[in-house]
């Protein structure tokens, strides 16, 4: 009965709804072209995507200017060219959330930092630099200090620069080495069909991998015939050397080295409100610290 109604109906909106209900994508597309309604293009694009008609889905989402839908489509396909095209479109439309994700997936981390700074998201830029571009942290911290000094000079002075206080940033030198190494493969874009080749890889972070490489690369200590026992007491680690005396009895001499277990995390903590759905690139308000 619904099919018969589709054949005799004349109202475009009613016919479109019937075509969607019957999954008649070809008929729905003809109506969408005639009506040129963004909502209809978006509805048709979502149906086409769920039906596996990806080419039609892309066309419909472009007509609907559904940038979030296009981001989902391109990222699922591993389509770097499509993501690059979407980044340009998002920049023109002022959709900074979509633009940031596109730049991030393309490995354009410097552009991500610049976008955050231009959007007055300087604390977020500092956190991102600490995580992905440690060589840029000092530069971002300087910008943050200058901006924060306008409203809270004391808070601005409390911001730590890794060039001045590297001891406050855990694994700082390792992070710099990781950044240099990771830059070699940043612009390699594997297709989605290669996912199976990467699914079972280790989930260890690059910093952990580099740290382990350094530990494995160290030469073993020359400990002779001594046996080293590791004991824990009150949260501190004691390395005790136990030796047997020539008469077979255990010696009473012990050499203990106490290792300070306290460490300072290198992350910068920022308390801020939830991000707006769209960033205002012209926002001149000061960020919260």
C-alpha atoms as a PDB file:
ATOM      1  CA  UNK A   1       0.000   0.000   0.000  1.00  0.00           C
ATOM      2  CA  UNK A   2       2.896   2.351   0.753  1.00  0.00           C
ATOM      3  CA  UNK A   3       4.349   1.701  -2.702  1.00  0.00           C
ATOM      4  CA  UNK A   4       1.005   2.534  -4.291  1.00  0.00           C
ATOM      5  CA  UNK A   5       0.849   5.725  -2.255  1.00  0.00           C
ATOM      6  CA  UNK A   6       4.292   6.670  -3.550  1.00  0.00           C
ATOM      7  CA  UNK A   7       3.126   6.223  -7.134  1.00  0.00           C
ATOM      8  CA  UNK A   8       0.037   8.409  -6.810  1.00  0.00           C
ATOM      9  CA  UNK A   9       1.299  11.047  -4.348  1.00  0.00           C
ATOM     10  CA  UNK A  10       2.123  14.485  -5.746  1.00  0.00           C
ATOM     11  CA  UNK A  11       3.368  16.405  -2.715  1.00  0.00           C
ATOM     12  CA  UNK A  12       7.213  16.337  -2.764  1.00  0.00           C
ATOM     13  CA  UNK A  13       7.590  16.212   1.002  1.00  0.00           C
ATOM     14  CA  UNK A  14       5.123  13.339   1.315  1.00  0.00           C
ATOM     15  CA  UNK A  15       6.699  11.444  -1.574  1.00  0.00           C
ATOM     16  CA  UNK A  16      10.157  11.905  -0.065  1.00  0.00           C
ATOM     17  CA  UNK A  17       9.016  10.495   3.275  1.00  0.00           C
ATOM     18  CA  UNK A  18       7.457   7.506   1.513  1.00  0.00           C
ATOM     19  CA  UNK A  19      10.615   6.916  -0.525  1.00  0.00           C
ATOM     20  CA  UNK A  20      12.740   6.986   2.635  1.00  0.00           C
ATOM     21  CA  UNK A  21      10.331   4.604   4.334  1.00  0.00           C
ATOM     22  CA  UNK A  22      10.606   2.193   1.398  1.00  0.00           C
ATOM     23  CA  UNK A  23      14.400   2.697   1.146  1.00  0.00           C
ATOM     24  CA  UNK A  24      13.926   3.857  -2.449  1.00  0.00           C
ATOM     25  CA  UNK A  25      17.083   5.939  -2.456  1.00  0.00           C
ATOM     26  CA  UNK A  26      16.991   6.701  -6.169  1.00  0.00           C
ATOM     27  CA  UNK A  27      13.492   8.186  -5.914  1.00  0.00           C
ATOM     28  CA  UNK A  28      14.372  10.089  -2.746  1.00  0.00           C
ATOM     29  CA  UNK A  29      17.452  11.557  -4.447  1.00  0.00           C
ATOM     30  CA  UNK A  30      15.401  12.826  -7.406  1.00  0.00           C
ATOM     31  CA  UNK A  31      13.030  14.562  -5.005  1.00  0.00           C
ATOM     32  CA  UNK A  32      15.937  16.002  -2.985  1.00  0.00           C
ATOM     33  CA  UNK A  33      17.441  17.480  -6.157  1.00  0.00           C
ATOM     34  CA  UNK A  34      14.121  19.120  -7.006  1.00  0.00           C
ATOM     35  CA  UNK A  35      13.447  20.471  -3.514  1.00  0.00           C
ATOM     36  CA  UNK A  36      17.060  21.313  -2.518  1.00  0.00           C
ATOM     37  CA  UNK A  37      16.426  20.984   1.193  1.00  0.00           C
ATOM     38  CA  UNK A  38      19.434  20.515   3.488  1.00  0.00           C
ATOM     39  CA  UNK A  39      17.381  18.465   5.929  1.00  0.00           C
ATOM     40  CA  UNK A  40      16.305  16.086   3.163  1.00  0.00           C
ATOM     41  CA  UNK A  41      19.868  15.764   1.857  1.00  0.00           C
ATOM     42  CA  UNK A  42      21.069  14.970   5.368  1.00  0.00           C
ATOM     43  CA  UNK A  43      18.331  12.400   5.945  1.00  0.00           C
ATOM     44  CA  UNK A  44      19.050  10.767   2.606  1.00  0.00           C
ATOM     45  CA  UNK A  45      22.803  10.818   3.279  1.00  0.00           C
ATOM     46  CA  UNK A  46      22.401   9.032   6.603  1.00  0.00           C
ATOM     47  CA  UNK A  47      20.203   6.385   4.987  1.00  0.00           C
ATOM     48  CA  UNK A  48      22.669   5.940   2.128  1.00  0.00           C
ATOM     49  CA  UNK A  49      25.542   5.528   4.590  1.00  0.00           C
ATOM     50  CA  UNK A  50      23.680   2.922   6.625  1.00  0.00           C
ATOM     51  CA  UNK A  51      22.841   1.110   3.373  1.00  0.00           C
ATOM     52  CA  UNK A  52      26.481   1.008   2.288  1.00  0.00           C
ATOM     53  CA  UNK A  53      26.016   3.403  -0.644  1.00  0.00           C
ATOM     54  CA  UNK A  54      29.011   5.516   0.310  1.00  0.00           C
ATOM     55  CA  UNK A  55      29.336   7.486  -2.927  1.00  0.00           C
ATOM     56  CA  UNK A  56      25.721   8.639  -2.652  1.00  0.00           C
ATOM     57  CA  UNK A  57      26.205   9.325   1.047  1.00  0.00           C
ATOM     58  CA  UNK A  58      29.159  11.606   0.325  1.00  0.00           C
ATOM     59  CA  UNK A  59      27.204  13.530  -2.314  1.00  0.00           C
ATOM     60  CA  UNK A  60      24.194  13.969  -0.042  1.00  0.00           C
ATOM     61  CA  UNK A  61      26.251  15.070   2.968  1.00  0.00           C
ATOM     62  CA  UNK A  62      28.057  17.627   0.814  1.00  0.00           C
ATOM     63  CA  UNK A  63      24.727  19.077  -0.341  1.00  0.00           C
ATOM     64  CA  UNK A  64      23.525  19.141   3.272  1.00  0.00           C
ATOM     65  CA  UNK A  65      26.790  20.759   4.445  1.00  0.00           C
ATOM     66  CA  UNK A  66      26.890  18.075   7.113  1.00  0.00           C
ATOM     67  CA  UNK A  67      30.560  18.396   8.030  1.00  0.00           C
ATOM     68  CA  UNK A  68      30.307  16.046  11.008  1.00  0.00           C
ATOM     69  CA  UNK A  69      28.805  13.358   8.795  1.00  0.00           C
ATOM     70  CA  UNK A  70      31.549  13.838   6.209  1.00  0.00           C
ATOM     71  CA  UNK A  71      34.174  13.599   8.949  1.00  0.00           C
ATOM     72  CA  UNK A  72      32.711  10.286  10.070  1.00  0.00           C
ATOM     73  CA  UNK A  73      32.633   9.002   6.498  1.00  0.00           C
ATOM     74  CA  UNK A  74      36.164  10.053   5.527  1.00  0.00           C
ATOM     75  CA  UNK A  75      37.764   8.932   8.787  1.00  0.00           C
ATOM     76  CA  UNK A  76      36.050   5.536   8.538  1.00  0.00           C
ATOM     77  CA  UNK A  77      37.393   5.110   5.017  1.00  0.00           C
ATOM     78  CA  UNK A  78      40.843   6.425   5.884  1.00  0.00           C
ATOM     79  CA  UNK A  79      40.411   8.920   3.051  1.00  0.00           C
ATOM     80  CA  UNK A  80      43.202  11.460   3.654  1.00  0.00           C
ATOM     81  CA  UNK A  81      42.323  13.406   0.522  1.00  0.00           C
ATOM     82  CA  UNK A  82      38.695  13.711   1.618  1.00  0.00           C
ATOM     83  CA  UNK A  83      39.750  14.809   5.113  1.00  0.00           C
ATOM     84  CA  UNK A  84      42.047  17.451   3.616  1.00  0.00           C
ATOM     85  CA  UNK A  85      39.193  18.730   1.453  1.00  0.00           C
ATOM     86  CA  UNK A  86      36.905  18.752   4.486  1.00  0.00           C
ATOM     87  CA  UNK A  87      39.474  20.759   6.471  1.00  0.00           C
ATOM     88  CA  UNK A  88      39.360  23.491   3.837  1.00  0.00           C
ATOM     89  CA  UNK A  89      35.558  23.494   3.882  1.00  0.00           C
ATOM     90  CA  UNK A  90      35.443  23.561   7.692  1.00  0.00           C
ATOM     91  CA  UNK A  91      37.822  26.531   7.772  1.00  0.00           C
ATOM     92  CA  UNK A  92      35.611  28.430   5.328  1.00  0.00           C
ATOM     93  CA  UNK A  93      32.525  27.661   7.418  1.00  0.00           C
ATOM     94  CA  UNK A  94      34.213  28.511  10.721  1.00  0.00           C
ATOM     95  CA  UNK A  95      33.649  25.001  12.087  1.00  0.00           C
ATOM     96  CA  UNK A  96      36.733  24.849  14.275  1.00  0.00           C
ATOM     97  CA  UNK A  97      35.849  21.575  15.989  1.00  0.00           C
ATOM     98  CA  UNK A  98      35.749  19.742  12.664  1.00  0.00           C
ATOM     99  CA  UNK A  99      38.797  21.627  11.395  1.00  0.00           C
ATOM    100  CA  UNK A 100      40.838  20.651  14.450  1.00  0.00           C
ATOM    101  CA  UNK A 101      39.964  16.962  14.087  1.00  0.00           C
ATOM    102  CA  UNK A 102      40.821  17.019  10.380  1.00  0.00           C
ATOM    103  CA  UNK A 103      44.198  18.621  11.033  1.00  0.00           C
ATOM    104  CA  UNK A 104      44.901  16.202  13.863  1.00  0.00           C
ATOM    105  CA  UNK A 105      44.107  13.124  11.762  1.00  0.00           C
ATOM    106  CA  UNK A 106      46.305  14.483   8.970  1.00  0.00           C
ATOM    107  CA  UNK A 107      49.198  14.801  11.407  1.00  0.00           C
ATOM    108  CA  UNK A 108      49.346  18.578  11.043  1.00  0.00           C
ATOM    109  CA  UNK A 109      50.013  19.125  14.721  1.00  0.00           C
ATOM    110  CA  UNK A 110      51.609  22.543  14.304  1.00  0.00           C
ATOM    111  CA  UNK A 111      48.440  23.734  12.561  1.00  0.00           C
ATOM    112  CA  UNK A 112      46.393  22.311  15.443  1.00  0.00           C
ATOM    113  CA  UNK A 113      48.413  24.361  17.921  1.00  0.00           C
ATOM    114  CA  UNK A 114      48.043  27.481  15.809  1.00  0.00           C
ATOM    115  CA  UNK A 115      44.276  26.974  15.592  1.00  0.00           C
ATOM    116  CA  UNK A 116      44.019  26.617  19.376  1.00  0.00           C
ATOM    117  CA  UNK A 117      46.043  29.785  19.935  1.00  0.00           C
ATOM    118  CA  UNK A 118      44.027  31.754  17.379  1.00  0.00           C
ATOM    119  CA  UNK A 119      40.823  30.521  19.034  1.00  0.00           C
ATOM    120  CA  UNK A 120      42.114  31.772  22.403  1.00  0.00           C
ATOM    121  CA  UNK A 121      42.393  28.192  23.655  1.00  0.00           C
ATOM    122  CA  UNK A 122      45.913  28.726  24.944  1.00  0.00           C
ATOM    123  CA  UNK A 123      45.754  26.342  27.966  1.00  0.00           C
ATOM    124  CA  UNK A 124      44.530  23.589  25.633  1.00  0.00           C
ATOM    125  CA  UNK A 125      47.371  24.445  23.249  1.00  0.00           C
ATOM    126  CA  UNK A 126      49.870  24.026  26.103  1.00  0.00           C
ATOM    127  CA  UNK A 127      48.431  20.637  27.015  1.00  0.00           C
ATOM    128  CA  UNK A 128      48.523  19.494  23.414  1.00  0.00           C
ATOM    129  CA  UNK A 129      52.098  20.669  22.986  1.00  0.00           C
ATOM    130  CA  UNK A 130      53.091  18.758  26.131  1.00  0.00           C
ATOM    131  CA  UNK A 131      51.480  15.612  24.736  1.00  0.00           C
ATOM    132  CA  UNK A 132      52.442  15.743  21.052  1.00  0.00           C
ATOM    133  CA  UNK A 133      54.943  18.551  20.384  1.00  0.00           C
ATOM    134  CA  UNK A 134      57.123  18.990  23.476  1.00  0.00           C
ATOM    135  CA  UNK A 135      59.558  21.128  21.491  1.00  0.00           C
ATOM    136  CA  UNK A 136      56.777  23.753  21.225  1.00  0.00           C
ATOM    137  CA  UNK A 137      55.901  23.848  24.932  1.00  0.00           C
ATOM    138  CA  UNK A 138      58.185  26.768  25.789  1.00  0.00           C
ATOM    139  CA  UNK A 139      56.765  28.811  22.927  1.00  0.00           C
ATOM    140  CA  UNK A 140      53.167  28.161  24.001  1.00  0.00           C
ATOM    141  CA  UNK A 141      53.946  28.769  27.676  1.00  0.00           C
ATOM    142  CA  UNK A 142      55.390  32.180  26.766  1.00  0.00           C
ATOM    143  CA  UNK A 143      52.162  33.046  24.929  1.00  0.00           C
ATOM    144  CA  UNK A 144      50.109  31.744  27.854  1.00  0.00           C
ATOM    145  CA  UNK A 145      52.089  33.783  30.384  1.00  0.00           C
ATOM    146  CA  UNK A 146      51.688  36.962  28.361  1.00  0.00           C
ATOM    147  CA  UNK A 147      47.941  36.442  28.003  1.00  0.00           C
ATOM    148  CA  UNK A 148      47.376  35.357  31.609  1.00  0.00           C
ATOM    149  CA  UNK A 149      49.463  38.216  32.982  1.00  0.00           C
ATOM    150  CA  UNK A 150      46.685  40.602  31.907  1.00  0.00           C
ATOM    151  CA  UNK A 151      44.255  39.194  34.477  1.00  0.00           C
ATOM    152  CA  UNK A 152      46.343  37.254  37.009  1.00  0.00           C
ATOM    153  CA  UNK A 153      50.079  38.033  37.130  1.00  0.00           C
ATOM    154  CA  UNK A 154      50.672  35.665  40.044  1.00  0.00           C
ATOM    155  CA  UNK A 155      49.163  32.736  38.167  1.00  0.00           C
ATOM    156  CA  UNK A 156      51.192  33.666  35.092  1.00  0.00           C
ATOM    157  CA  UNK A 157      54.416  33.488  37.098  1.00  0.00           C
ATOM    158  CA  UNK A 158      53.506  30.002  38.361  1.00  0.00           C
ATOM    159  CA  UNK A 159      53.538  28.500  34.863  1.00  0.00           C
ATOM    160  CA  UNK A 160      56.622  26.299  34.487  1.00  0.00           C
ATOM    161  CA  UNK A 161      58.764  26.366  31.363  1.00  0.00           C
ATOM    162  CA  UNK A 162      60.574  23.066  30.620  1.00  0.00           C
ATOM    163  CA  UNK A 163      63.613  24.977  29.389  1.00  0.00           C
ATOM    164  CA  UNK A 164      63.915  26.569  32.829  1.00  0.00           C
ATOM    165  CA  UNK A 165      62.738  23.645  34.974  1.00  0.00           C
ATOM    166  CA  UNK A 166      63.180  20.369  33.037  1.00  0.00           C
ATOM    167  CA  UNK A 167      63.122  18.435  36.330  1.00  0.00           C
ATOM    168  CA  UNK A 168      59.415  19.246  36.690  1.00  0.00           C
ATOM    169  CA  UNK A 169      58.562  17.464  33.445  1.00  0.00           C
ATOM    170  CA  UNK A 170      58.745  13.701  33.683  1.00  0.00           C
ATOM    171  CA  UNK A 171      60.662  11.939  30.881  1.00  0.00           C
ATOM    172  CA  UNK A 172      61.246  15.282  29.188  1.00  0.00           C
ATOM    173  CA  UNK A 173      64.284  14.273  27.159  1.00  0.00           C
ATOM    174  CA  UNK A 174      62.583  11.017  26.189  1.00  0.00           C
ATOM    175  CA  UNK A 175      59.543  12.973  24.975  1.00  0.00           C
ATOM    176  CA  UNK A 176      61.747  15.157  22.785  1.00  0.00           C
ATOM    177  CA  UNK A 177      63.367  12.063  21.280  1.00  0.00           C
ATOM    178  CA  UNK A 178      59.947  10.515  20.657  1.00  0.00           C
ATOM    179  CA  UNK A 179      58.740  13.650  18.866  1.00  0.00           C
ATOM    180  CA  UNK A 180      61.757  13.624  16.566  1.00  0.00           C
ATOM    181  CA  UNK A 181      61.292   9.938  15.762  1.00  0.00           C
ATOM    182  CA  UNK A 182      57.513  10.111  15.287  1.00  0.00           C
ATOM    183  CA  UNK A 183      57.833  13.029  12.864  1.00  0.00           C
ATOM    184  CA  UNK A 184      59.253  10.633  10.267  1.00  0.00           C
ATOM    185  CA  UNK A 185      55.942   8.777   9.879  1.00  0.00           C
ATOM    186  CA  UNK A 186      53.483  11.546  10.750  1.00  0.00           C
ATOM    187  CA  UNK A 187      52.312  12.052   7.171  1.00  0.00           C
ATOM    188  CA  UNK A 188      51.844   8.378   6.344  1.00  0.00           C
ATOM    189  CA  UNK A 189      48.130   7.686   5.908  1.00  0.00           C
ATOM    190  CA  UNK A 190      47.275   3.953   5.868  1.00  0.00           C
ATOM    191  CA  UNK A 191      43.903   3.070   4.381  1.00  0.00           C
ATOM    192  CA  UNK A 192      41.104   1.691   6.523  1.00  0.00           C
ATOM    193  CA  UNK A 193      41.508  -1.776   4.992  1.00  0.00           C
ATOM    194  CA  UNK A 194      44.943  -2.015   6.642  1.00  0.00           C
ATOM    195  CA  UNK A 195      43.395  -1.832  10.099  1.00  0.00           C
ATOM    196  CA  UNK A 196      43.688  -5.577  10.605  1.00  0.00           C
ATOM    197  CA  UNK A 197      47.472  -5.262  10.270  1.00  0.00           C
ATOM    198  CA  UNK A 198      47.631  -2.803  13.157  1.00  0.00           C
ATOM    199  CA  UNK A 199      44.868  -4.097  15.449  1.00  0.00           C
ATOM    200  CA  UNK A 200      47.076  -6.465  17.463  1.00  0.00           C
ATOM    201  CA  UNK A 201      49.994  -4.103  17.940  1.00  0.00           C
ATOM    202  CA  UNK A 202      51.143  -3.127  21.405  1.00  0.00           C
ATOM    203  CA  UNK A 203      49.148  -0.433  23.174  1.00  0.00           C
ATOM    204  CA  UNK A 204      52.255   0.906  24.925  1.00  0.00           C
ATOM    205  CA  UNK A 205      52.879   4.600  24.419  1.00  0.00           C
ATOM    206  CA  UNK A 206      55.906   5.774  22.471  1.00  0.00           C
ATOM    207  CA  UNK A 207      57.395   7.238  25.644  1.00  0.00           C
ATOM    208  CA  UNK A 208      57.169   3.828  27.342  1.00  0.00           C
ATOM    209  CA  UNK A 209      58.772   2.148  24.335  1.00  0.00           C
ATOM    210  CA  UNK A 210      61.652   4.627  24.238  1.00  0.00           C
ATOM    211  CA  UNK A 211      62.152   4.393  27.995  1.00  0.00           C
ATOM    212  CA  UNK A 212      62.367   0.597  27.794  1.00  0.00           C
ATOM    213  CA  UNK A 213      64.818   0.865  24.905  1.00  0.00           C
ATOM    214  CA  UNK A 214      67.055   3.045  27.052  1.00  0.00           C
ATOM    215  CA  UNK A 215      66.884   0.616  29.957  1.00  0.00           C
ATOM    216  CA  UNK A 216      67.666  -2.365  27.734  1.00  0.00           C
ATOM    217  CA  UNK A 217      70.534  -0.455  26.128  1.00  0.00           C
ATOM    218  CA  UNK A 218      72.294   0.187  29.429  1.00  0.00           C
ATOM    219  CA  UNK A 219      75.255  -2.071  30.237  1.00  0.00           C
ATOM    220  CA  UNK A 220      74.705  -4.391  33.227  1.00  0.00           C
ATOM    221  CA  UNK A 221      76.382  -3.431  36.491  1.00  0.00           C
ATOM    222  CA  UNK A 222      79.511  -5.344  37.473  1.00  0.00           C
ATOM    223  CA  UNK A 223      78.321  -6.972  40.678  1.00  0.00           C
ATOM    224  CA  UNK A 224      80.729  -9.884  40.779  1.00  0.00           C
ATOM    225  CA  UNK A 225      79.504 -12.800  42.865  1.00  0.00           C
ATOM    226  CA  UNK A 226      77.182 -10.691  45.019  1.00  0.00           C
ATOM    227  CA  UNK A 227      73.436 -11.280  45.124  1.00  0.00           C
ATOM    228  CA  UNK A 228      71.167  -8.227  45.059  1.00  0.00           C
ATOM    229  CA  UNK A 229      67.805  -8.341  46.737  1.00  0.00           C
ATOM    230  CA  UNK A 230      65.083  -5.758  46.217  1.00  0.00           C
ATOM    231  CA  UNK A 231      62.872  -5.003  49.193  1.00  0.00           C
ATOM    232  CA  UNK A 232      60.134  -2.456  49.688  1.00  0.00           C
ATOM    233  CA  UNK A 233      59.574  -0.743  52.991  1.00  0.00           C
ATOM    234  CA  UNK A 234      57.240   2.169  53.724  1.00  0.00           C
ATOM    235  CA  UNK A 235      56.924   3.055  50.042  1.00  0.00           C
ATOM    236  CA  UNK A 236      60.709   3.355  49.586  1.00  0.00           C
ATOM    237  CA  UNK A 237      62.889   0.959  47.649  1.00  0.00           C
ATOM    238  CA  UNK A 238      65.991  -0.419  49.386  1.00  0.00           C
ATOM    239  CA  UNK A 239      68.623  -2.198  47.393  1.00  0.00           C
ATOM    240  CA  UNK A 240      70.437  -4.556  49.791  1.00  0.00           C
ATOM    241  CA  UNK A 241      73.578  -6.429  49.002  1.00  0.00           C
ATOM    242  CA  UNK A 242      73.669  -9.804  50.745  1.00  0.00           C
ATOM    243  CA  UNK A 243      76.883 -11.764  50.795  1.00  0.00           C
ATOM    244  CA  UNK A 244      77.894 -15.000  52.399  1.00  0.00           C
ATOM    245  CA  UNK A 245      81.012 -15.039  54.531  1.00  0.00           C
ATOM    246  CA  UNK A 246      83.732 -17.637  53.902  1.00  0.00           C
ATOM    247  CA  UNK A 247      82.568 -19.764  56.851  1.00  0.00           C
ATOM    248  CA  UNK A 248      79.155 -20.235  55.169  1.00  0.00           C
ATOM    249  CA  UNK A 249      77.249 -17.917  57.492  1.00  0.00           C
ATOM    250  CA  UNK A 250      75.455 -14.858  56.193  1.00  0.00           C
ATOM    251  CA  UNK A 251      77.397 -11.640  56.654  1.00  0.00           C
ATOM    252  CA  UNK A 252      76.075  -8.876  58.788  1.00  0.00           C
ATOM    253  CA  UNK A 253      77.252  -6.097  56.536  1.00  0.00           C
ATOM    254  CA  UNK A 254      74.549  -4.529  54.424  1.00  0.00           C
ATOM    255  CA  UNK A 255      74.763  -1.615  52.064  1.00  0.00           C
ATOM    256  CA  UNK A 256      71.450   0.130  51.402  1.00  0.00           C
ATOM    257  CA  UNK A 257      70.760   2.846  48.897  1.00  0.00           C
ATOM    258  CA  UNK A 258      67.484   4.685  49.347  1.00  0.00           C
ATOM    259  CA  UNK A 259      65.842   5.871  46.165  1.00  0.00           C
ATOM    260  CA  UNK A 260      63.453   8.782  46.435  1.00  0.00           C
ATOM    261  CA  UNK A 261      60.114   7.544  45.165  1.00  0.00           C
ATOM    262  CA  UNK A 262      58.573  11.019  44.970  1.00  0.00           C
ATOM    263  CA  UNK A 263      58.350  12.423  41.506  1.00  0.00           C
ATOM    264  CA  UNK A 264      56.765  15.470  39.968  1.00  0.00           C
ATOM    265  CA  UNK A 265      54.381  14.939  37.112  1.00  0.00           C
ATOM    266  CA  UNK A 266      55.128  16.964  34.001  1.00  0.00           C
ATOM    267  CA  UNK A 267      51.517  17.551  33.000  1.00  0.00           C
ATOM    268  CA  UNK A 268      49.975  20.992  33.232  1.00  0.00           C
ATOM    269  CA  UNK A 269      46.592  20.890  34.962  1.00  0.00           C
ATOM    270  CA  UNK A 270      43.965  23.334  33.808  1.00  0.00           C
ATOM    271  CA  UNK A 271      40.482  23.850  35.223  1.00  0.00           C
ATOM    272  CA  UNK A 272      38.217  25.162  32.530  1.00  0.00           C
ATOM    273  CA  UNK A 273      34.610  25.103  31.470  1.00  0.00           C
ATOM    274  CA  UNK A 274      33.403  22.651  28.886  1.00  0.00           C
ATOM    275  CA  UNK A 275      34.255  23.634  25.354  1.00  0.00           C
ATOM    276  CA  UNK A 276      31.617  25.396  23.324  1.00  0.00           C
ATOM    277  CA  UNK A 277      30.204  23.476  20.416  1.00  0.00           C
ATOM    278  CA  UNK A 278      31.889  25.933  18.063  1.00  0.00           C
ATOM    279  CA  UNK A 279      34.911  28.042  18.902  1.00  0.00           C
ATOM    280  CA  UNK A 280      34.847  31.775  18.383  1.00  0.00           C
ATOM    281  CA  UNK A 281      38.070  32.562  16.577  1.00  0.00           C
ATOM    282  CA  UNK A 282      37.651  36.237  17.383  1.00  0.00           C
ATOM    283  CA  UNK A 283      37.103  35.663  21.105  1.00  0.00           C
ATOM    284  CA  UNK A 284      39.328  38.029  23.035  1.00  0.00           C
ATOM    285  CA  UNK A 285      38.421  36.749  26.487  1.00  0.00           C
ATOM    286  CA  UNK A 286      41.183  35.532  28.741  1.00  0.00           C
ATOM    287  CA  UNK A 287      41.415  31.748  29.303  1.00  0.00           C
ATOM    288  CA  UNK A 288      40.878  30.325  32.702  1.00  0.00           C
ATOM    289  CA  UNK A 289      43.853  28.983  34.543  1.00  0.00           C
END
